[in-house]
Amino acid sequence: MAVPKRKTSPMKRNQRRSHHALDTTNWVEDSHTGEPKRRHHIDLKTGMYRGKQVVDVKD
């Protein structure tokens, strides 16, 4: 069974975890409503995606 020979220092531990941070989401302004929306996602208020109606909107 593998056992570490030395204790991992906090610096090395934190360097390994540097990729665990959350990425920021990319928001853009909707061309029709002017509200912020995520890129490459369906606008749930209007049901539009790339200028086409893809989801029926409930009132």
C-alpha atoms as a PDB file:
ATOM      1  CA  MET A   1       0.000   0.000   0.000  1.00  0.00           C
ATOM      2  CA  ALA A   2       1.337   3.447  -0.929  1.00  0.00           C
ATOM      3  CA  VAL A   3       2.024   5.738   1.991  1.00  0.00           C
ATOM      4  CA  PRO A   4       3.297   9.341   1.664  1.00  0.00           C
ATOM      5  CA  LYS A   5       6.875   9.731   2.856  1.00  0.00           C
ATOM      6  CA  ARG A   6       6.444  13.384   3.883  1.00  0.00           C
ATOM      7  CA  LYS A   7       3.595  15.626   4.919  1.00  0.00           C
ATOM      8  CA  THR A   8       2.270  17.726   2.034  1.00  0.00           C
ATOM      9  CA  SER A   9       2.938  21.382   2.724  1.00  0.00           C
ATOM     10  CA  PRO A  10       0.086  23.903   2.542  1.00  0.00           C
ATOM     11  CA  MET A  11       1.729  25.539  -0.474  1.00  0.00           C
ATOM     12  CA  LYS A  12       1.789  22.305  -2.462  1.00  0.00           C
ATOM     13  CA  ARG A  13      -1.734  21.421  -1.349  1.00  0.00           C
ATOM     14  CA  ASN A  14      -3.063  24.823  -2.449  1.00  0.00           C
ATOM     15  CA  GLN A  15      -1.202  24.658  -5.769  1.00  0.00           C
ATOM     16  CA  ARG A  16      -2.960  21.395  -6.503  1.00  0.00           C
ATOM     17  CA  ARG A  17      -6.321  22.954  -5.656  1.00  0.00           C
ATOM     18  CA  SER A  18      -5.756  26.038  -7.827  1.00  0.00           C
ATOM     19  CA  HIS A  19      -7.898  24.519 -10.601  1.00  0.00           C
ATOM     20  CA  HIS A  20     -10.840  23.902  -8.268  1.00  0.00           C
ATOM     21  CA  ALA A  21     -12.020  27.520  -8.413  1.00  0.00           C
ATOM     22  CA  LEU A  22     -15.363  28.193 -10.084  1.00  0.00           C
ATOM     23  CA  ASP A  23     -15.329  29.853 -13.484  1.00  0.00           C
ATOM     24  CA  THR A  24     -17.297  33.034 -14.050  1.00  0.00           C
ATOM     25  CA  THR A  25     -20.304  32.674 -16.325  1.00  0.00           C
ATOM     26  CA  ASN A  26     -20.399  34.747 -19.474  1.00  0.00           C
ATOM     27  CA  TRP A  27     -23.473  36.999 -19.590  1.00  0.00           C
ATOM     28  CA  VAL A  28     -24.528  39.031 -22.619  1.00  0.00           C
ATOM     29  CA  GLU A  29     -27.346  41.469 -23.280  1.00  0.00           C
ATOM     30  CA  ASP A  30     -30.315  39.973 -25.125  1.00  0.00           C
ATOM     31  CA  SER A  31     -30.882  41.743 -28.450  1.00  0.00           C
ATOM     32  CA  HIS A  32     -34.695  41.625 -28.165  1.00  0.00           C
ATOM     33  CA  THR A  33     -35.398  42.326 -24.501  1.00  0.00           C
ATOM     34  CA  GLY A  34     -32.140  43.942 -23.378  1.00  0.00           C
ATOM     35  CA  GLU A  35     -31.962  41.697 -20.313  1.00  0.00           C
ATOM     36  CA  PRO A  36     -28.818  39.738 -19.425  1.00  0.00           C
ATOM     37  CA  LYS A  37     -28.764  36.104 -20.521  1.00  0.00           C
ATOM     38  CA  ARG A  38     -26.167  33.346 -20.701  1.00  0.00           C
ATOM     39  CA  ARG A  39     -24.520  32.729 -24.035  1.00  0.00           C
ATOM     40  CA  HIS A  40     -25.547  29.591 -25.964  1.00  0.00           C
ATOM     41  CA  HIS A  41     -28.566  29.064 -23.690  1.00  0.00           C
ATOM     42  CA  ILE A  42     -32.291  29.340 -24.338  1.00  0.00           C
ATOM     43  CA  ASP A  43     -33.933  32.531 -23.059  1.00  0.00           C
ATOM     44  CA  LEU A  44     -36.584  31.051 -20.766  1.00  0.00           C
ATOM     45  CA  LYS A  45     -38.719  34.212 -20.670  1.00  0.00           C
ATOM     46  CA  THR A  46     -39.215  34.365 -24.441  1.00  0.00           C
ATOM     47  CA  GLY A  47     -38.343  30.786 -25.442  1.00  0.00           C
ATOM     48  CA  MET A  48     -36.030  32.052 -28.195  1.00  0.00           C
ATOM     49  CA  TYR A  49     -32.650  30.671 -29.225  1.00  0.00           C
ATOM     50  CA  ARG A  50     -30.622  32.221 -32.063  1.00  0.00           C
ATOM     51  CA  GLY A  51     -33.668  34.099 -33.347  1.00  0.00           C
ATOM     52  CA  LYS A  52     -35.952  31.048 -33.446  1.00  0.00           C
ATOM     53  CA  GLN A  53     -38.844  30.074 -31.157  1.00  0.00           C
ATOM     54  CA  VAL A  54     -37.810  26.730 -29.630  1.00  0.00           C
ATOM     55  CA  VAL A  55     -39.828  26.569 -26.391  1.00  0.00           C
ATOM     56  CA  ASP A  56     -43.472  27.426 -25.841  1.00  0.00           C
ATOM     57  CA  VAL A  57     -43.735  29.996 -23.035  1.00  0.00           C
ATOM     58  CA  LYS A  58     -46.333  29.491 -20.318  1.00  0.00           C
ATOM     59  CA  ASP A  59     -48.095  32.553 -18.893  1.00  0.00           C
END
